[in-house]
């Protein structure tokens, strides 16, 4: 293969791209790079792959855990933290919700304001 391939971002649909982008900007501390109607992008300072958000008028919140007949999650974010309680409190203060179902120790599942599950986890999990 002679082409260069580089993953630049994961894109999350949401009822409002800017609202969800602000949540993850504040959660991760990443600067907003693109901000236009229906689209926003965050990129880490180290230049790695970022997160993008697009407004989807027909967006349906995923169900966690999965349930028959309900919109299932298609992906989730794993976020390494050094303190689950502190990071979780920060996420909740920004608008996340601790999921009722928690599958394992050392990992906490939260739902972002648009309902996407994301995991905060300690090293080694």
C-alpha atoms as a PDB file:
ATOM      1  CA  UNK A   1       0.000   0.000   0.000  1.00  0.00           C
ATOM      2  CA  UNK A   2       1.389   3.429  -0.945  1.00  0.00           C
ATOM      3  CA  UNK A   3      -1.110   5.637   0.870  1.00  0.00           C
ATOM      4  CA  UNK A   4      -0.663   7.125   4.308  1.00  0.00           C
ATOM      5  CA  UNK A   5      -3.590   6.499   6.651  1.00  0.00           C
ATOM      6  CA  UNK A   6      -3.949   8.408   9.906  1.00  0.00           C
ATOM      7  CA  UNK A   7      -6.924   8.344  12.247  1.00  0.00           C
ATOM      8  CA  UNK A   8      -7.643  11.961  13.167  1.00  0.00           C
ATOM      9  CA  UNK A   9     -10.862  11.741  15.200  1.00  0.00           C
ATOM     10  CA  UNK A  10     -13.786   9.703  16.413  1.00  0.00           C
ATOM     11  CA  UNK A  11     -17.111  11.370  15.613  1.00  0.00           C
ATOM     12  CA  UNK A  12     -20.060  11.256  18.011  1.00  0.00           C
ATOM     13  CA  UNK A  13     -23.563  12.164  16.877  1.00  0.00           C
ATOM     14  CA  UNK A  14     -25.635  14.286  19.245  1.00  0.00           C
ATOM     15  CA  UNK A  15     -28.798  16.366  19.295  1.00  0.00           C
ATOM     16  CA  UNK A  16     -26.508  19.424  19.606  1.00  0.00           C
ATOM     17  CA  UNK A  17     -22.847  19.140  18.577  1.00  0.00           C
ATOM     18  CA  UNK A  18     -21.727  22.269  20.415  1.00  0.00           C
ATOM     19  CA  UNK A  19     -23.278  21.227  23.742  1.00  0.00           C
ATOM     20  CA  UNK A  20     -21.584  17.829  23.664  1.00  0.00           C
ATOM     21  CA  UNK A  21     -18.278  19.331  22.491  1.00  0.00           C
ATOM     22  CA  UNK A  22     -18.283  21.733  25.452  1.00  0.00           C
ATOM     23  CA  UNK A  23     -18.903  18.820  27.838  1.00  0.00           C
ATOM     24  CA  UNK A  24     -15.888  16.869  26.527  1.00  0.00           C
ATOM     25  CA  UNK A  25     -13.776  20.051  26.276  1.00  0.00           C
ATOM     26  CA  UNK A  26     -14.340  20.647  29.984  1.00  0.00           C
ATOM     27  CA  UNK A  27     -13.976  16.965  30.919  1.00  0.00           C
ATOM     28  CA  UNK A  28     -10.732  16.353  29.034  1.00  0.00           C
ATOM     29  CA  UNK A  29      -9.281  19.867  28.989  1.00  0.00           C
ATOM     30  CA  UNK A  30      -8.807  19.720  25.207  1.00  0.00           C
ATOM     31  CA  UNK A  31      -9.094  22.906  23.161  1.00  0.00           C
ATOM     32  CA  UNK A  32     -11.887  23.409  20.679  1.00  0.00           C
ATOM     33  CA  UNK A  33     -10.381  23.435  17.154  1.00  0.00           C
ATOM     34  CA  UNK A  34     -13.446  23.612  14.909  1.00  0.00           C
ATOM     35  CA  UNK A  35     -16.766  25.126  15.889  1.00  0.00           C
ATOM     36  CA  UNK A  36     -19.344  25.662  13.194  1.00  0.00           C
ATOM     37  CA  UNK A  37     -23.081  25.043  12.985  1.00  0.00           C
ATOM     38  CA  UNK A  38     -23.701  21.334  13.479  1.00  0.00           C
ATOM     39  CA  UNK A  39     -20.009  20.425  13.888  1.00  0.00           C
ATOM     40  CA  UNK A  40     -17.260  20.777  16.482  1.00  0.00           C
ATOM     41  CA  UNK A  41     -13.835  19.191  16.962  1.00  0.00           C
ATOM     42  CA  UNK A  42     -11.552  18.847  19.978  1.00  0.00           C
ATOM     43  CA  UNK A  43      -7.890  17.933  19.717  1.00  0.00           C
ATOM     44  CA  UNK A  44      -5.447  17.106  22.500  1.00  0.00           C
ATOM     45  CA  UNK A  45      -2.446  19.380  22.919  1.00  0.00           C
ATOM     46  CA  UNK A  46      -0.078  16.499  22.099  1.00  0.00           C
ATOM     47  CA  UNK A  47      -1.538  16.266  18.586  1.00  0.00           C
ATOM     48  CA  UNK A  48      -3.095  12.812  18.894  1.00  0.00           C
ATOM     49  CA  UNK A  49      -6.480  11.804  17.500  1.00  0.00           C
ATOM     50  CA  UNK A  50      -9.330  13.998  18.661  1.00  0.00           C
ATOM     51  CA  UNK A  51     -13.079  13.897  19.073  1.00  0.00           C
ATOM     52  CA  UNK A  52     -15.565  15.452  16.698  1.00  0.00           C
ATOM     53  CA  UNK A  53     -19.265  16.006  17.212  1.00  0.00           C
ATOM     54  CA  UNK A  54     -22.016  16.380  14.666  1.00  0.00           C
ATOM     55  CA  UNK A  55     -25.602  17.399  15.156  1.00  0.00           C
ATOM     56  CA  UNK A  56     -28.010  14.636  14.172  1.00  0.00           C
ATOM     57  CA  UNK A  57     -31.665  15.743  14.289  1.00  0.00           C
ATOM     58  CA  UNK A  58     -32.875  12.112  14.511  1.00  0.00           C
ATOM     59  CA  UNK A  59     -30.389  11.160  17.234  1.00  0.00           C
ATOM     60  CA  UNK A  60     -31.571   8.468  19.649  1.00  0.00           C
ATOM     61  CA  UNK A  61     -29.873   7.999  23.009  1.00  0.00           C
ATOM     62  CA  UNK A  62     -28.248   4.579  23.387  1.00  0.00           C
ATOM     63  CA  UNK A  63     -29.351   2.283  26.184  1.00  0.00           C
ATOM     64  CA  UNK A  64     -26.798   1.025  28.725  1.00  0.00           C
ATOM     65  CA  UNK A  65     -26.705  -1.824  29.308  1.00  0.00           C
ATOM     66  CA  UNK A  66     -28.085  -3.050  26.006  1.00  0.00           C
ATOM     67  CA  UNK A  67     -31.764  -3.996  25.962  1.00  0.00           C
ATOM     68  CA  UNK A  68     -33.817  -5.731  23.287  1.00  0.00           C
ATOM     69  CA  UNK A  69     -35.755  -3.326  21.131  1.00  0.00           C
ATOM     70  CA  UNK A  70     -33.774  -0.271  22.329  1.00  0.00           C
ATOM     71  CA  UNK A  71     -31.073   1.773  20.608  1.00  0.00           C
ATOM     72  CA  UNK A  72     -27.768   0.078  21.413  1.00  0.00           C
ATOM     73  CA  UNK A  73     -24.492   1.876  21.871  1.00  0.00           C
ATOM     74  CA  UNK A  74     -22.243   1.585  18.853  1.00  0.00           C
ATOM     75  CA  UNK A  75     -19.048   2.692  20.597  1.00  0.00           C
ATOM     76  CA  UNK A  76     -17.829   4.107  23.871  1.00  0.00           C
ATOM     77  CA  UNK A  77     -14.820   6.070  25.094  1.00  0.00           C
ATOM     78  CA  UNK A  78     -12.285   4.707  27.588  1.00  0.00           C
ATOM     79  CA  UNK A  79     -10.624   7.437  29.645  1.00  0.00           C
ATOM     80  CA  UNK A  80      -7.668   6.630  31.913  1.00  0.00           C
ATOM     81  CA  UNK A  81      -7.770   8.419  35.292  1.00  0.00           C
ATOM     82  CA  UNK A  82      -5.599   8.322  38.405  1.00  0.00           C
ATOM     83  CA  UNK A  83      -8.518   8.736  40.855  1.00  0.00           C
ATOM     84  CA  UNK A  84     -11.962   7.314  40.050  1.00  0.00           C
ATOM     85  CA  UNK A  85     -13.821   9.282  42.702  1.00  0.00           C
ATOM     86  CA  UNK A  86     -12.341  12.668  41.804  1.00  0.00           C
ATOM     87  CA  UNK A  87     -12.680  12.133  38.044  1.00  0.00           C
ATOM     88  CA  UNK A  88     -16.227  10.829  38.486  1.00  0.00           C
ATOM     89  CA  UNK A  89     -17.248  13.828  40.593  1.00  0.00           C
ATOM     90  CA  UNK A  90     -15.778  16.126  37.925  1.00  0.00           C
ATOM     91  CA  UNK A  91     -17.744  14.324  35.178  1.00  0.00           C
ATOM     92  CA  UNK A  92     -20.994  14.550  37.154  1.00  0.00           C
ATOM     93  CA  UNK A  93     -20.446  18.252  37.888  1.00  0.00           C
ATOM     94  CA  UNK A  94     -20.178  18.802  34.119  1.00  0.00           C
ATOM     95  CA  UNK A  95     -23.457  16.966  33.404  1.00  0.00           C
ATOM     96  CA  UNK A  96     -22.578  13.257  33.211  1.00  0.00           C
ATOM     97  CA  UNK A  97     -24.662  10.629  34.960  1.00  0.00           C
ATOM     98  CA  UNK A  98     -23.255   7.575  36.730  1.00  0.00           C
ATOM     99  CA  UNK A  99     -24.774   4.537  35.006  1.00  0.00           C
ATOM    100  CA  UNK A 100     -26.876   2.227  37.157  1.00  0.00           C
ATOM    101  CA  UNK A 101     -25.068  -0.842  35.800  1.00  0.00           C
ATOM    102  CA  UNK A 102     -21.362  -1.101  36.661  1.00  0.00           C
ATOM    103  CA  UNK A 103     -19.704  -4.193  35.138  1.00  0.00           C
ATOM    104  CA  UNK A 104     -16.399  -4.331  37.045  1.00  0.00           C
ATOM    105  CA  UNK A 105     -14.141  -2.898  39.755  1.00  0.00           C
ATOM    106  CA  UNK A 106     -11.626  -0.248  38.729  1.00  0.00           C
ATOM    107  CA  UNK A 107     -13.958   1.041  36.014  1.00  0.00           C
ATOM    108  CA  UNK A 108     -16.920   3.412  36.249  1.00  0.00           C
ATOM    109  CA  UNK A 109     -19.415   3.788  33.435  1.00  0.00           C
ATOM    110  CA  UNK A 110     -20.956   7.230  32.974  1.00  0.00           C
ATOM    111  CA  UNK A 111     -23.376   8.635  30.426  1.00  0.00           C
ATOM    112  CA  UNK A 112     -22.541  11.946  28.797  1.00  0.00           C
ATOM    113  CA  UNK A 113     -25.294  14.568  28.361  1.00  0.00           C
ATOM    114  CA  UNK A 114     -26.341  12.963  25.039  1.00  0.00           C
ATOM    115  CA  UNK A 115     -26.416   9.483  26.624  1.00  0.00           C
ATOM    116  CA  UNK A 116     -23.177   8.055  25.155  1.00  0.00           C
ATOM    117  CA  UNK A 117     -21.561   5.686  27.656  1.00  0.00           C
ATOM    118  CA  UNK A 118     -17.940   6.397  28.559  1.00  0.00           C
ATOM    119  CA  UNK A 119     -15.667   4.593  31.001  1.00  0.00           C
ATOM    120  CA  UNK A 120     -13.327   6.127  33.512  1.00  0.00           C
ATOM    121  CA  UNK A 121     -10.775   3.516  34.509  1.00  0.00           C
ATOM    122  CA  UNK A 122      -7.673   3.035  36.604  1.00  0.00           C
ATOM    123  CA  UNK A 123      -4.393   1.795  35.134  1.00  0.00           C
ATOM    124  CA  UNK A 124      -4.370  -1.997  34.990  1.00  0.00           C
ATOM    125  CA  UNK A 125      -8.067  -2.410  34.237  1.00  0.00           C
END
